Amino acid sequence: MQRKTKGILLIVLPIPTLFFVMVVYAIVSFIISSIDHAVDSTSNAVIIVGHIINILLGLIGIAAVVGILIGIPVGIYLLATEDKPAVVKK
């Protein structure tokens, strides 16, 4: 993968990832709250799985925020600098 492609991915990828995580987190939370209020503790396994999914989405969201803080400057650096030619030793 070229430097320019890596730079563009580091700049662009974290923001849609964060948006996706927030949307899916809201949907899963709504489903969990609907199931929790509709059924009297007979579907504890479904609620536990939903909470685990929310925890994983939270961790992915944290990684996306870190990706924004670190990835954007690194991506700009990769886009601004030129490729160094490979030096062949004889």
Protein backbone atom coordinates (compact mmCIF):
# COMPACT_ATOMS: atom_id res chain seq x y z
CA MET A 1 0.00 0.00 0.00
CA GLN A 2 1.38 3.40 -0.95
CA ARG A 3 1.98 6.24 1.47
CA LYS A 4 -0.74 8.37 -0.09
CA THR A 5 -3.33 5.60 0.28
CA LYS A 6 -2.35 5.02 3.91
CA GLY A 7 -2.56 8.74 4.58
CA ILE A 8 -6.03 9.05 3.09
CA LEU A 9 -7.26 6.01 5.03
CA LEU A 10 -5.85 7.34 8.31
CA ILE A 11 -7.60 10.67 7.75
CA VAL A 12 -10.95 9.38 6.51
CA LEU A 13 -11.56 6.03 8.25
CA PRO A 14 -11.94 7.00 11.95
CA ILE A 15 -14.82 9.45 11.44
CA PRO A 16 -17.24 7.07 9.63
CA THR A 17 -16.25 4.34 12.09
CA LEU A 18 -17.23 6.56 15.01
CA PHE A 19 -20.52 7.47 13.32
CA PHE A 20 -21.28 3.79 12.62
CA VAL A 21 -20.52 2.81 16.23
CA MET A 22 -22.78 5.54 17.62
CA VAL A 23 -25.69 4.52 15.38
CA VAL A 24 -25.37 0.80 16.13
CA TYR A 25 -24.94 1.53 19.86
CA ALA A 26 -28.20 3.52 19.87
CA ILE A 27 -30.05 0.76 18.01
CA VAL A 28 -28.78 -1.99 20.32
CA SER A 29 -29.58 0.08 23.41
CA PHE A 30 -33.12 0.67 22.15
CA ILE A 31 -33.62 -3.04 21.49
CA ILE A 32 -32.26 -3.96 24.94
CA SER A 33 -34.52 -1.46 26.69
CA SER A 34 -37.53 -2.69 24.70
CA ILE A 35 -36.87 -6.31 25.60
CA ASP A 36 -36.10 -5.43 29.22
CA HIS A 37 -39.42 -3.63 29.72
CA ALA A 38 -41.52 -6.08 27.72
CA VAL A 39 -40.41 -9.35 29.33
CA ASP A 40 -40.02 -10.12 33.04
CA SER A 41 -36.43 -11.39 33.40
CA THR A 42 -37.01 -14.50 31.28
CA SER A 43 -34.67 -13.33 28.55
CA ASN A 44 -31.64 -12.50 30.67
CA ALA A 45 -29.33 -14.11 28.13
CA VAL A 46 -30.49 -11.74 25.39
CA ILE A 47 -29.98 -8.73 27.65
CA ILE A 48 -26.50 -9.91 28.66
CA VAL A 49 -25.52 -10.43 25.03
CA GLY A 50 -26.81 -6.94 24.23
CA HIS A 51 -24.72 -5.44 27.02
CA ILE A 52 -21.64 -7.29 25.77
CA ILE A 53 -22.27 -5.90 22.29
CA ASN A 54 -22.54 -2.41 23.79
CA ILE A 55 -19.24 -2.87 25.62
CA LEU A 56 -17.52 -3.99 22.41
CA LEU A 57 -19.01 -1.04 20.52
CA GLY A 58 -17.75 1.28 23.25
CA LEU A 59 -14.23 -0.11 22.86
CA ILE A 60 -14.41 0.30 19.09
CA GLY A 61 -15.62 3.87 19.64
CA ILE A 62 -12.65 4.59 21.91
CA ALA A 63 -10.33 3.22 19.23
CA ALA A 64 -12.02 5.47 16.65
CA VAL A 65 -11.50 8.56 18.83
CA VAL A 66 -7.85 7.62 19.34
CA GLY A 67 -7.67 7.07 15.59
CA ILE A 68 -8.95 10.60 15.05
CA LEU A 69 -6.42 12.08 17.47
CA ILE A 70 -3.45 10.12 16.14
CA GLY A 71 -4.48 9.13 12.62
CA ILE A 72 -5.24 12.57 11.24
CA PRO A 73 -1.80 14.10 11.99
CA VAL A 74 -0.03 10.93 10.82
CA GLY A 75 -2.19 10.87 7.67
CA ILE A 76 -1.37 14.49 6.92
CA TYR A 77 2.31 13.72 7.41
CA LEU A 78 2.10 10.76 5.04
CA LEU A 79 0.33 12.89 2.42
CA ALA A 80 2.75 15.81 2.77
CA THR A 81 5.99 13.86 2.49
CA GLU A 82 7.39 12.18 -0.56
CA ASP A 83 8.39 8.55 -0.93
CA LYS A 84 12.09 8.02 -0.38
CA PRO A 85 13.71 6.03 -3.16
CA ALA A 86 14.98 2.63 -2.14
CA VAL A 87 18.73 2.47 -1.78
CA VAL A 88 20.26 -0.71 -3.16
CA LYS A 89 23.49 -1.78 -1.49
CA LYS A 90 26.09 -3.40 -3.68
